[in-house]
């Protein structure tokens, strides 16, 4: 889902930052309608012809049940086979990806109103946005015995849910950064507390760092992406500056951010060059200097 959100978000942010509209042409309009059709179809995955199998690889590279994925029931959210990490979803409704889609659809509606002059596209985007948002709030929240009401990472609409968070964005931790909710939203704060604790199976703590990692990398590896997102969504200045100092101290002397590094030894890292992490680090540095990059944070929520 995030791969379909990203072009719409980029188109919106480019227009918002520069006033340019030359990219908002007939091709963009057709692509946006195509995304809407896919997401509407996947509201009921049983109607979809989509299947994906990759023989001979790890289980995380393919979908079960002849490529259809685990059984699901309708929730109002749209189905996704894979996470932003490219790992297969355990359950079909990836909550943070649906959060990102809610924001992207709001931005598409704005573009349809103000640039494309397409009332039908705007109405269609807003209707689907409401459907996804209602599905998230009705089916994406669970009661945790320690943290209270939190968002699950994935649900199946049949009573199953997966409680975790992953370093890749969209993540639960990134919900205010995406623009889905405010940083002080009670459910988000409870979810954040869960994600940044050992209750999250992919939160790791060591002698030099603590943060969110991913099943996509070895156990005990935290991701600079997740540390940057934690900083970009932090309400406490001391937390932000502490994370900045930690990132600067764990680059293994390379002057670069990596995909992941070991919590006890930052010289053990994956990917010597990872543009996503470096770009997000630059954004986080600007944020620490008081420069809010357009597109970061809940300031982009539409009414």
C-alpha atoms as a PDB file:
ATOM      1  CA  UNK A   1       0.000   0.000   0.000  1.00  0.00           C
ATOM      2  CA  UNK A   2       2.776   2.464   0.832  1.00  0.00           C
ATOM      3  CA  UNK A   3       4.107   2.100  -2.733  1.00  0.00           C
ATOM      4  CA  UNK A   4       0.767   3.404  -4.006  1.00  0.00           C
ATOM      5  CA  UNK A   5       0.574   6.179  -1.397  1.00  0.00           C
ATOM      6  CA  UNK A   6       4.025   7.575  -2.147  1.00  0.00           C
ATOM      7  CA  UNK A   7       3.416   8.970  -5.664  1.00  0.00           C
ATOM      8  CA  UNK A   8       0.271  10.781  -4.501  1.00  0.00           C
ATOM      9  CA  UNK A   9       2.062  12.200  -1.470  1.00  0.00           C
ATOM     10  CA  UNK A  10       5.032  13.315  -3.566  1.00  0.00           C
ATOM     11  CA  UNK A  11       2.721  14.973  -6.087  1.00  0.00           C
ATOM     12  CA  UNK A  12       0.860  16.813  -3.325  1.00  0.00           C
ATOM     13  CA  UNK A  13       3.987  17.928  -1.479  1.00  0.00           C
ATOM     14  CA  UNK A  14       5.667  19.155  -4.658  1.00  0.00           C
ATOM     15  CA  UNK A  15       2.593  21.256  -5.439  1.00  0.00           C
ATOM     16  CA  UNK A  16       2.340  22.529  -1.888  1.00  0.00           C
ATOM     17  CA  UNK A  17       6.031  23.473  -1.654  1.00  0.00           C
ATOM     18  CA  UNK A  18       6.449  25.033  -5.100  1.00  0.00           C
ATOM     19  CA  UNK A  19       3.043  25.748  -6.601  1.00  0.00           C
ATOM     20  CA  UNK A  20       3.974  23.643  -9.618  1.00  0.00           C
ATOM     21  CA  UNK A  21       1.170  21.837 -11.419  1.00  0.00           C
ATOM     22  CA  UNK A  22       2.829  20.493 -14.562  1.00  0.00           C
ATOM     23  CA  UNK A  23       3.133  17.043 -12.984  1.00  0.00           C
ATOM     24  CA  UNK A  24      -0.602  16.972 -12.244  1.00  0.00           C
ATOM     25  CA  UNK A  25      -1.556  15.964 -15.749  1.00  0.00           C
ATOM     26  CA  UNK A  26      -3.752  13.349 -17.382  1.00  0.00           C
ATOM     27  CA  UNK A  27      -1.245  10.617 -16.519  1.00  0.00           C
ATOM     28  CA  UNK A  28      -1.369  11.533 -12.832  1.00  0.00           C
ATOM     29  CA  UNK A  29      -5.168  11.610 -12.895  1.00  0.00           C
ATOM     30  CA  UNK A  30      -5.303   8.160 -14.524  1.00  0.00           C
ATOM     31  CA  UNK A  31      -2.780   6.752 -12.042  1.00  0.00           C
ATOM     32  CA  UNK A  32      -4.750   8.139  -9.087  1.00  0.00           C
ATOM     33  CA  UNK A  33      -7.935   6.538 -10.363  1.00  0.00           C
ATOM     34  CA  UNK A  34      -6.084   3.256 -10.792  1.00  0.00           C
ATOM     35  CA  UNK A  35      -4.924   3.383  -7.160  1.00  0.00           C
ATOM     36  CA  UNK A  36      -8.469   4.063  -6.002  1.00  0.00           C
ATOM     37  CA  UNK A  37      -9.776   1.081  -7.965  1.00  0.00           C
ATOM     38  CA  UNK A  38      -7.152  -1.231  -6.454  1.00  0.00           C
ATOM     39  CA  UNK A  39      -7.877  -0.074  -2.912  1.00  0.00           C
ATOM     40  CA  UNK A  40     -11.646  -0.342  -3.366  1.00  0.00           C
ATOM     41  CA  UNK A  41     -11.302  -3.848  -4.786  1.00  0.00           C
ATOM     42  CA  UNK A  42      -9.065  -4.918  -1.884  1.00  0.00           C
ATOM     43  CA  UNK A  43     -11.677  -3.833   0.672  1.00  0.00           C
ATOM     44  CA  UNK A  44     -12.881  -7.388   0.038  1.00  0.00           C
ATOM     45  CA  UNK A  45      -9.842  -9.464  -0.827  1.00  0.00           C
ATOM     46  CA  UNK A  46     -12.007 -12.473  -1.687  1.00  0.00           C
ATOM     47  CA  UNK A  47     -13.125 -10.566  -4.816  1.00  0.00           C
ATOM     48  CA  UNK A  48      -9.568  -9.790  -5.879  1.00  0.00           C
ATOM     49  CA  UNK A  49      -7.634 -11.889  -8.416  1.00  0.00           C
ATOM     50  CA  UNK A  50      -4.315 -10.896  -6.826  1.00  0.00           C
ATOM     51  CA  UNK A  51      -1.949 -13.661  -5.718  1.00  0.00           C
ATOM     52  CA  UNK A  52       1.815 -13.778  -5.310  1.00  0.00           C
ATOM     53  CA  UNK A  53       4.177 -16.701  -4.824  1.00  0.00           C
ATOM     54  CA  UNK A  54       7.973 -16.786  -4.877  1.00  0.00           C
ATOM     55  CA  UNK A  55       9.129 -20.426  -4.792  1.00  0.00           C
ATOM     56  CA  UNK A  56      12.312 -21.435  -3.039  1.00  0.00           C
ATOM     57  CA  UNK A  57      12.743 -18.395  -0.811  1.00  0.00           C
ATOM     58  CA  UNK A  58      12.035 -17.677   2.839  1.00  0.00           C
ATOM     59  CA  UNK A  59       8.433 -17.580   4.052  1.00  0.00           C
ATOM     60  CA  UNK A  60       8.635 -13.794   4.386  1.00  0.00           C
ATOM     61  CA  UNK A  61       9.094 -13.488   0.594  1.00  0.00           C
ATOM     62  CA  UNK A  62       5.837 -15.121  -0.444  1.00  0.00           C
ATOM     63  CA  UNK A  63       2.166 -15.391   0.493  1.00  0.00           C
ATOM     64  CA  UNK A  64       0.549 -18.505   1.946  1.00  0.00           C
ATOM     65  CA  UNK A  65      -2.464 -20.358   0.544  1.00  0.00           C
ATOM     66  CA  UNK A  66      -1.309 -20.428  -3.070  1.00  0.00           C
ATOM     67  CA  UNK A  67      -0.300 -16.794  -2.882  1.00  0.00           C
ATOM     68  CA  UNK A  68      -3.576 -15.494  -1.461  1.00  0.00           C
ATOM     69  CA  UNK A  69      -2.374 -14.827   2.082  1.00  0.00           C
ATOM     70  CA  UNK A  70      -4.103 -15.668   5.355  1.00  0.00           C
ATOM     71  CA  UNK A  71      -7.934 -15.589   5.400  1.00  0.00           C
ATOM     72  CA  UNK A  72      -9.496 -12.200   6.152  1.00  0.00           C
ATOM     73  CA  UNK A  73     -12.920 -10.706   6.751  1.00  0.00           C
ATOM     74  CA  UNK A  74     -13.985  -7.216   5.634  1.00  0.00           C
ATOM     75  CA  UNK A  75     -13.081  -4.405   8.051  1.00  0.00           C
ATOM     76  CA  UNK A  76     -13.343  -1.210   6.011  1.00  0.00           C
ATOM     77  CA  UNK A  77      -9.557  -1.247   5.574  1.00  0.00           C
ATOM     78  CA  UNK A  78      -7.892  -2.252   2.340  1.00  0.00           C
ATOM     79  CA  UNK A  79      -5.812  -5.427   2.109  1.00  0.00           C
ATOM     80  CA  UNK A  80      -2.061  -5.567   1.583  1.00  0.00           C
ATOM     81  CA  UNK A  81       0.105  -8.588   0.903  1.00  0.00           C
ATOM     82  CA  UNK A  82       3.394  -7.034   1.977  1.00  0.00           C
ATOM     83  CA  UNK A  83       4.783  -4.563   4.493  1.00  0.00           C
ATOM     84  CA  UNK A  84       6.984  -1.567   3.627  1.00  0.00           C
ATOM     85  CA  UNK A  85       9.911  -3.811   4.580  1.00  0.00           C
ATOM     86  CA  UNK A  86       8.858  -6.120   1.687  1.00  0.00           C
ATOM     87  CA  UNK A  87       8.153  -8.862   4.221  1.00  0.00           C
ATOM     88  CA  UNK A  88       4.825 -10.648   3.792  1.00  0.00           C
ATOM     89  CA  UNK A  89       2.010  -9.553   6.090  1.00  0.00           C
ATOM     90  CA  UNK A  90       0.958 -12.092   8.690  1.00  0.00           C
ATOM     91  CA  UNK A  91      -2.582 -10.721   8.526  1.00  0.00           C
ATOM     92  CA  UNK A  92      -4.047  -8.835   5.611  1.00  0.00           C
ATOM     93  CA  UNK A  93      -4.895  -5.439   7.045  1.00  0.00           C
ATOM     94  CA  UNK A  94      -1.719  -3.488   7.694  1.00  0.00           C
ATOM     95  CA  UNK A  95      -2.884  -0.706  10.005  1.00  0.00           C
ATOM     96  CA  UNK A  96      -0.068   1.863   9.527  1.00  0.00           C
ATOM     97  CA  UNK A  97      -0.287   1.480   5.735  1.00  0.00           C
ATOM     98  CA  UNK A  98      -4.009   2.211   5.928  1.00  0.00           C
ATOM     99  CA  UNK A  99      -3.156   5.275   8.049  1.00  0.00           C
ATOM    100  CA  UNK A 100      -0.831   6.488   5.316  1.00  0.00           C
ATOM    101  CA  UNK A 101      -3.556   5.888   2.735  1.00  0.00           C
ATOM    102  CA  UNK A 102      -6.047   7.968   4.752  1.00  0.00           C
ATOM    103  CA  UNK A 103      -3.650  10.923   4.577  1.00  0.00           C
ATOM    104  CA  UNK A 104      -2.796  10.369   0.906  1.00  0.00           C
ATOM    105  CA  UNK A 105      -6.476  10.245  -0.023  1.00  0.00           C
ATOM    106  CA  UNK A 106      -7.094  13.540   1.758  1.00  0.00           C
ATOM    107  CA  UNK A 107      -4.275  15.104  -0.215  1.00  0.00           C
ATOM    108  CA  UNK A 108      -5.571  13.605  -3.460  1.00  0.00           C
ATOM    109  CA  UNK A 109      -8.982  15.132  -2.753  1.00  0.00           C
ATOM    110  CA  UNK A 110      -7.347  18.531  -2.249  1.00  0.00           C
ATOM    111  CA  UNK A 111      -5.492  18.218  -5.554  1.00  0.00           C
ATOM    112  CA  UNK A 112      -8.689  17.131  -7.304  1.00  0.00           C
ATOM    113  CA  UNK A 113     -10.497  20.191  -5.940  1.00  0.00           C
ATOM    114  CA  UNK A 114      -7.850  22.853  -6.347  1.00  0.00           C
ATOM    115  CA  UNK A 115      -5.846  21.773  -9.386  1.00  0.00           C
ATOM    116  CA  UNK A 116      -7.579  19.058 -11.385  1.00  0.00           C
ATOM    117  CA  UNK A 117     -11.096  20.528 -11.046  1.00  0.00           C
ATOM    118  CA  UNK A 118     -12.425  16.990 -10.789  1.00  0.00           C
ATOM    119  CA  UNK A 119     -15.321  16.875  -8.333  1.00  0.00           C
ATOM    120  CA  UNK A 120     -15.948  13.168  -8.943  1.00  0.00           C
ATOM    121  CA  UNK A 121     -12.337  12.232  -8.124  1.00  0.00           C
ATOM    122  CA  UNK A 122     -12.400  14.414  -5.002  1.00  0.00           C
ATOM    123  CA  UNK A 123     -15.646  12.833  -3.786  1.00  0.00           C
ATOM    124  CA  UNK A 124     -14.394   9.318  -4.506  1.00  0.00           C
ATOM    125  CA  UNK A 125     -11.150   9.970  -2.621  1.00  0.00           C
ATOM    126  CA  UNK A 126     -12.971  11.426   0.390  1.00  0.00           C
ATOM    127  CA  UNK A 127     -15.472   8.565   0.529  1.00  0.00           C
ATOM    128  CA  UNK A 128     -12.726   5.943   0.487  1.00  0.00           C
ATOM    129  CA  UNK A 129     -10.735   7.964   3.012  1.00  0.00           C
ATOM    130  CA  UNK A 130     -13.673   7.886   5.434  1.00  0.00           C
ATOM    131  CA  UNK A 131     -14.127   4.149   4.884  1.00  0.00           C
ATOM    132  CA  UNK A 132     -10.471   3.399   5.705  1.00  0.00           C
ATOM    133  CA  UNK A 133     -10.406   5.715   8.720  1.00  0.00           C
ATOM    134  CA  UNK A 134     -13.560   4.166  10.148  1.00  0.00           C
ATOM    135  CA  UNK A 135     -12.098   0.706   9.571  1.00  0.00           C
ATOM    136  CA  UNK A 136      -8.885   1.605  11.392  1.00  0.00           C
ATOM    137  CA  UNK A 137     -10.712   2.968  14.411  1.00  0.00           C
ATOM    138  CA  UNK A 138     -13.275   0.129  14.520  1.00  0.00           C
ATOM    139  CA  UNK A 139     -10.998  -2.849  13.824  1.00  0.00           C
ATOM    140  CA  UNK A 140      -7.390  -1.656  14.125  1.00  0.00           C
ATOM    141  CA  UNK A 141      -7.489  -0.941  17.861  1.00  0.00           C
ATOM    142  CA  UNK A 142      -7.116  -3.575  20.577  1.00  0.00           C
ATOM    143  CA  UNK A 143      -7.021  -3.592  24.354  1.00  0.00           C
ATOM    144  CA  UNK A 144      -3.590  -4.319  25.808  1.00  0.00           C
ATOM    145  CA  UNK A 145      -3.390  -5.435  29.459  1.00  0.00           C
ATOM    146  CA  UNK A 146      -0.508  -3.059  30.185  1.00  0.00           C
ATOM    147  CA  UNK A 147      -0.904  -0.143  27.766  1.00  0.00           C
ATOM    148  CA  UNK A 148      -4.671   0.069  27.327  1.00  0.00           C
ATOM    149  CA  UNK A 149      -6.171   0.855  23.919  1.00  0.00           C
ATOM    150  CA  UNK A 150      -3.470   0.677  21.247  1.00  0.00           C
ATOM    151  CA  UNK A 151      -3.306   0.207  17.492  1.00  0.00           C
ATOM    152  CA  UNK A 152      -2.376  -3.261  16.278  1.00  0.00           C
ATOM    153  CA  UNK A 153       0.186  -3.554  13.510  1.00  0.00           C
ATOM    154  CA  UNK A 154      -1.965  -5.991  11.526  1.00  0.00           C
ATOM    155  CA  UNK A 155      -5.450  -7.464  11.886  1.00  0.00           C
ATOM    156  CA  UNK A 156      -7.438  -9.987   9.857  1.00  0.00           C
ATOM    157  CA  UNK A 157     -11.038  -8.971  10.519  1.00  0.00           C
ATOM    158  CA  UNK A 158     -11.663 -12.412  12.012  1.00  0.00           C
ATOM    159  CA  UNK A 159     -10.448 -11.684  15.530  1.00  0.00           C
ATOM    160  CA  UNK A 160      -6.738 -12.102  14.869  1.00  0.00           C
ATOM    161  CA  UNK A 161      -4.245  -9.302  15.451  1.00  0.00           C
ATOM    162  CA  UNK A 162      -0.477  -8.905  15.450  1.00  0.00           C
ATOM    163  CA  UNK A 163       1.000  -6.656  18.123  1.00  0.00           C
ATOM    164  CA  UNK A 164       4.363  -5.306  16.975  1.00  0.00           C
ATOM    165  CA  UNK A 165       5.910  -2.347  15.228  1.00  0.00           C
ATOM    166  CA  UNK A 166       8.497  -2.297  12.479  1.00  0.00           C
ATOM    167  CA  UNK A 167      11.195   0.288  11.782  1.00  0.00           C
ATOM    168  CA  UNK A 168      10.081   0.795   8.179  1.00  0.00           C
ATOM    169  CA  UNK A 169       7.713   3.694   7.490  1.00  0.00           C
ATOM    170  CA  UNK A 170       4.705   3.641   7.531  1.00  0.00           C
ATOM    171  CA  UNK A 171       4.881   2.334  11.070  1.00  0.00           C
ATOM    172  CA  UNK A 172       2.666   2.796  14.091  1.00  0.00           C
ATOM    173  CA  UNK A 173       5.344   5.020  15.613  1.00  0.00           C
ATOM    174  CA  UNK A 174       5.186   7.260  12.539  1.00  0.00           C
ATOM    175  CA  UNK A 175       1.409   7.948  12.658  1.00  0.00           C
ATOM    176  CA  UNK A 176       1.765  11.684  13.551  1.00  0.00           C
ATOM    177  CA  UNK A 177       4.676  12.069  11.124  1.00  0.00           C
ATOM    178  CA  UNK A 178       2.470  10.689   8.370  1.00  0.00           C
ATOM    179  CA  UNK A 179      -0.241  13.164   9.355  1.00  0.00           C
ATOM    180  CA  UNK A 180      -2.780  10.586  10.535  1.00  0.00           C
ATOM    181  CA  UNK A 181      -3.082  11.871  14.100  1.00  0.00           C
ATOM    182  CA  UNK A 182      -1.666  14.433  16.498  1.00  0.00           C
ATOM    183  CA  UNK A 183       1.388  13.548  18.611  1.00  0.00           C
ATOM    184  CA  UNK A 184      -0.707  13.897  21.773  1.00  0.00           C
ATOM    185  CA  UNK A 185      -3.538  11.621  20.634  1.00  0.00           C
ATOM    186  CA  UNK A 186      -4.245   9.235  23.568  1.00  0.00           C
ATOM    187  CA  UNK A 187      -4.389   6.067  21.481  1.00  0.00           C
ATOM    188  CA  UNK A 188      -1.191   7.056  19.697  1.00  0.00           C
ATOM    189  CA  UNK A 189       0.582   7.780  22.985  1.00  0.00           C
ATOM    190  CA  UNK A 190      -0.397   4.354  24.324  1.00  0.00           C
ATOM    191  CA  UNK A 191       0.732   2.748  21.051  1.00  0.00           C
ATOM    192  CA  UNK A 192       3.996   4.678  21.189  1.00  0.00           C
ATOM    193  CA  UNK A 193       4.645   3.454  24.728  1.00  0.00           C
ATOM    194  CA  UNK A 194       4.047  -0.107  23.535  1.00  0.00           C
ATOM    195  CA  UNK A 195       6.261   0.261  20.443  1.00  0.00           C
ATOM    196  CA  UNK A 196       9.135   1.667  22.512  1.00  0.00           C
ATOM    197  CA  UNK A 197       9.060  -1.128  25.055  1.00  0.00           C
ATOM    198  CA  UNK A 198      10.102  -4.757  25.222  1.00  0.00           C
ATOM    199  CA  UNK A 199       6.429  -5.645  24.695  1.00  0.00           C
ATOM    200  CA  UNK A 200       7.135  -4.904  21.028  1.00  0.00           C
ATOM    201  CA  UNK A 201       9.030  -7.999  19.837  1.00  0.00           C
ATOM    202  CA  UNK A 202      11.172  -5.797  17.575  1.00  0.00           C
ATOM    203  CA  UNK A 203      12.259  -3.267  20.185  1.00  0.00           C
ATOM    204  CA  UNK A 204      15.847  -3.930  21.199  1.00  0.00           C
ATOM    205  CA  UNK A 205      17.896  -2.443  24.039  1.00  0.00           C
ATOM    206  CA  UNK A 206      21.651  -2.735  24.448  1.00  0.00           C
ATOM    207  CA  UNK A 207      24.666  -0.978  25.899  1.00  0.00           C
ATOM    208  CA  UNK A 208      24.882   1.763  23.243  1.00  0.00           C
ATOM    209  CA  UNK A 209      21.349   2.129  21.864  1.00  0.00           C
ATOM    210  CA  UNK A 210      17.688   1.213  22.208  1.00  0.00           C
ATOM    211  CA  UNK A 211      15.033   1.411  19.540  1.00  0.00           C
ATOM    212  CA  UNK A 212      12.842  -0.329  17.017  1.00  0.00           C
ATOM    213  CA  UNK A 213      14.286  -2.815  14.574  1.00  0.00           C
ATOM    214  CA  UNK A 214      12.690  -5.189  12.109  1.00  0.00           C
ATOM    215  CA  UNK A 215      12.258  -8.877  11.337  1.00  0.00           C
ATOM    216  CA  UNK A 216      13.876  -7.890   8.029  1.00  0.00           C
ATOM    217  CA  UNK A 217      17.274  -7.550   9.772  1.00  0.00           C
ATOM    218  CA  UNK A 218      18.980  -9.660  12.455  1.00  0.00           C
ATOM    219  CA  UNK A 219      17.750  -9.685  16.029  1.00  0.00           C
ATOM    220  CA  UNK A 220      19.312  -6.958  18.153  1.00  0.00           C
ATOM    221  CA  UNK A 221      19.664  -4.457  15.297  1.00  0.00           C
ATOM    222  CA  UNK A 222      17.925  -1.079  15.662  1.00  0.00           C
ATOM    223  CA  UNK A 223      17.279   1.170  12.685  1.00  0.00           C
ATOM    224  CA  UNK A 224      18.282   4.831  12.363  1.00  0.00           C
ATOM    225  CA  UNK A 225      15.010   5.299  10.447  1.00  0.00           C
ATOM    226  CA  UNK A 226      13.069   4.351  13.567  1.00  0.00           C
ATOM    227  CA  UNK A 227      15.260   6.551  15.799  1.00  0.00           C
ATOM    228  CA  UNK A 228      14.666   9.502  13.452  1.00  0.00           C
ATOM    229  CA  UNK A 229      10.916   8.858  13.416  1.00  0.00           C
ATOM    230  CA  UNK A 230      10.923   8.615  17.202  1.00  0.00           C
ATOM    231  CA  UNK A 231      12.610  12.010  17.294  1.00  0.00           C
ATOM    232  CA  UNK A 232      10.328  13.574  14.700  1.00  0.00           C
ATOM    233  CA  UNK A 233       7.269  12.504  16.703  1.00  0.00           C
ATOM    234  CA  UNK A 234       8.672  13.274  20.173  1.00  0.00           C
ATOM    235  CA  UNK A 235       7.023  16.033  22.188  1.00  0.00           C
ATOM    236  CA  UNK A 236       9.926  16.361  24.612  1.00  0.00           C
ATOM    237  CA  UNK A 237      12.947  18.391  23.461  1.00  0.00           C
ATOM    238  CA  UNK A 238      15.320  16.398  25.663  1.00  0.00           C
ATOM    239  CA  UNK A 239      14.179  13.156  24.008  1.00  0.00           C
ATOM    240  CA  UNK A 240      14.764  14.650  20.547  1.00  0.00           C
ATOM    241  CA  UNK A 241      18.259  15.903  21.345  1.00  0.00           C
ATOM    242  CA  UNK A 242      19.155  12.638  23.060  1.00  0.00           C
ATOM    243  CA  UNK A 243      18.175  10.709  19.945  1.00  0.00           C
ATOM    244  CA  UNK A 244      20.195  13.086  17.760  1.00  0.00           C
ATOM    245  CA  UNK A 245      23.260  12.531  19.913  1.00  0.00           C
ATOM    246  CA  UNK A 246      22.705   8.761  19.802  1.00  0.00           C
ATOM    247  CA  UNK A 247      22.499   8.770  16.008  1.00  0.00           C
ATOM    248  CA  UNK A 248      25.691  10.801  15.721  1.00  0.00           C
ATOM    249  CA  UNK A 249      27.465   8.399  18.069  1.00  0.00           C
ATOM    250  CA  UNK A 250      26.438   5.209  16.273  1.00  0.00           C
ATOM    251  CA  UNK A 251      27.520   5.800  12.666  1.00  0.00           C
ATOM    252  CA  UNK A 252      30.622   3.622  13.204  1.00  0.00           C
ATOM    253  CA  UNK A 253      32.806   6.523  12.105  1.00  0.00           C
ATOM    254  CA  UNK A 254      31.420   6.461   8.558  1.00  0.00           C
ATOM    255  CA  UNK A 255      29.555   9.774   8.639  1.00  0.00           C
ATOM    256  CA  UNK A 256      26.518   7.924   7.283  1.00  0.00           C
ATOM    257  CA  UNK A 257      23.344   6.356   8.590  1.00  0.00           C
ATOM    258  CA  UNK A 258      22.898   2.629   8.040  1.00  0.00           C
ATOM    259  CA  UNK A 259      19.913   0.339   7.649  1.00  0.00           C
ATOM    260  CA  UNK A 260      20.408  -1.194  11.088  1.00  0.00           C
ATOM    261  CA  UNK A 261      23.170  -1.531  13.675  1.00  0.00           C
ATOM    262  CA  UNK A 262      23.690  -3.756  16.679  1.00  0.00           C
ATOM    263  CA  UNK A 263      22.581  -2.295  20.007  1.00  0.00           C
ATOM    264  CA  UNK A 264      25.875  -3.292  21.626  1.00  0.00           C
ATOM    265  CA  UNK A 265      28.241  -2.574  18.734  1.00  0.00           C
ATOM    266  CA  UNK A 266      27.423   0.015  16.031  1.00  0.00           C
ATOM    267  CA  UNK A 267      30.385  -1.238  13.981  1.00  0.00           C
ATOM    268  CA  UNK A 268      28.154  -4.207  13.159  1.00  0.00           C
ATOM    269  CA  UNK A 269      25.688  -2.744  10.684  1.00  0.00           C
ATOM    270  CA  UNK A 270      23.691  -3.573   7.556  1.00  0.00           C
ATOM    271  CA  UNK A 271      23.975  -1.514   4.361  1.00  0.00           C
ATOM    272  CA  UNK A 272      26.970   0.837   4.343  1.00  0.00           C
ATOM    273  CA  UNK A 273      24.861   3.259   2.292  1.00  0.00           C
ATOM    274  CA  UNK A 274      21.100   3.632   2.799  1.00  0.00           C
ATOM    275  CA  UNK A 275      19.698   6.767   1.186  1.00  0.00           C
ATOM    276  CA  UNK A 276      16.367   6.563   3.015  1.00  0.00           C
ATOM    277  CA  UNK A 277      18.033   6.655   6.432  1.00  0.00           C
ATOM    278  CA  UNK A 278      20.407   9.448   5.431  1.00  0.00           C
ATOM    279  CA  UNK A 279      17.573  11.581   4.025  1.00  0.00           C
ATOM    280  CA  UNK A 280      15.425  11.080   7.095  1.00  0.00           C
ATOM    281  CA  UNK A 281      18.364  11.936   9.332  1.00  0.00           C
ATOM    282  CA  UNK A 282      18.796  15.223   7.446  1.00  0.00           C
ATOM    283  CA  UNK A 283      15.099  15.926   7.958  1.00  0.00           C
ATOM    284  CA  UNK A 284      15.433  15.167  11.673  1.00  0.00           C
ATOM    285  CA  UNK A 285      18.431  17.510  11.998  1.00  0.00           C
ATOM    286  CA  UNK A 286      16.427  20.300  10.368  1.00  0.00           C
ATOM    287  CA  UNK A 287      13.559  19.592  12.726  1.00  0.00           C
ATOM    288  CA  UNK A 288      15.901  19.832  15.733  1.00  0.00           C
ATOM    289  CA  UNK A 289      16.971  23.233  14.374  1.00  0.00           C
ATOM    290  CA  UNK A 290      13.366  24.389  14.254  1.00  0.00           C
ATOM    291  CA  UNK A 291      12.867  23.887  10.517  1.00  0.00           C
ATOM    292  CA  UNK A 292       9.786  21.752   9.982  1.00  0.00           C
ATOM    293  CA  UNK A 293      10.010  20.089   6.590  1.00  0.00           C
ATOM    294  CA  UNK A 294       6.669  20.239   4.698  1.00  0.00           C
ATOM    295  CA  UNK A 295       5.130  16.839   4.886  1.00  0.00           C
ATOM    296  CA  UNK A 296       6.369  15.974   8.355  1.00  0.00           C
ATOM    297  CA  UNK A 297       3.938  15.861  11.212  1.00  0.00           C
ATOM    298  CA  UNK A 298       0.242  16.232  11.819  1.00  0.00           C
ATOM    299  CA  UNK A 299       0.166  19.790  10.464  1.00  0.00           C
ATOM    300  CA  UNK A 300      -0.918  18.340   7.133  1.00  0.00           C
ATOM    301  CA  UNK A 301      -4.171  16.834   8.363  1.00  0.00           C
ATOM    302  CA  UNK A 302      -7.087  17.920   6.201  1.00  0.00           C
ATOM    303  CA  UNK A 303     -10.321  19.029   7.898  1.00  0.00           C
END
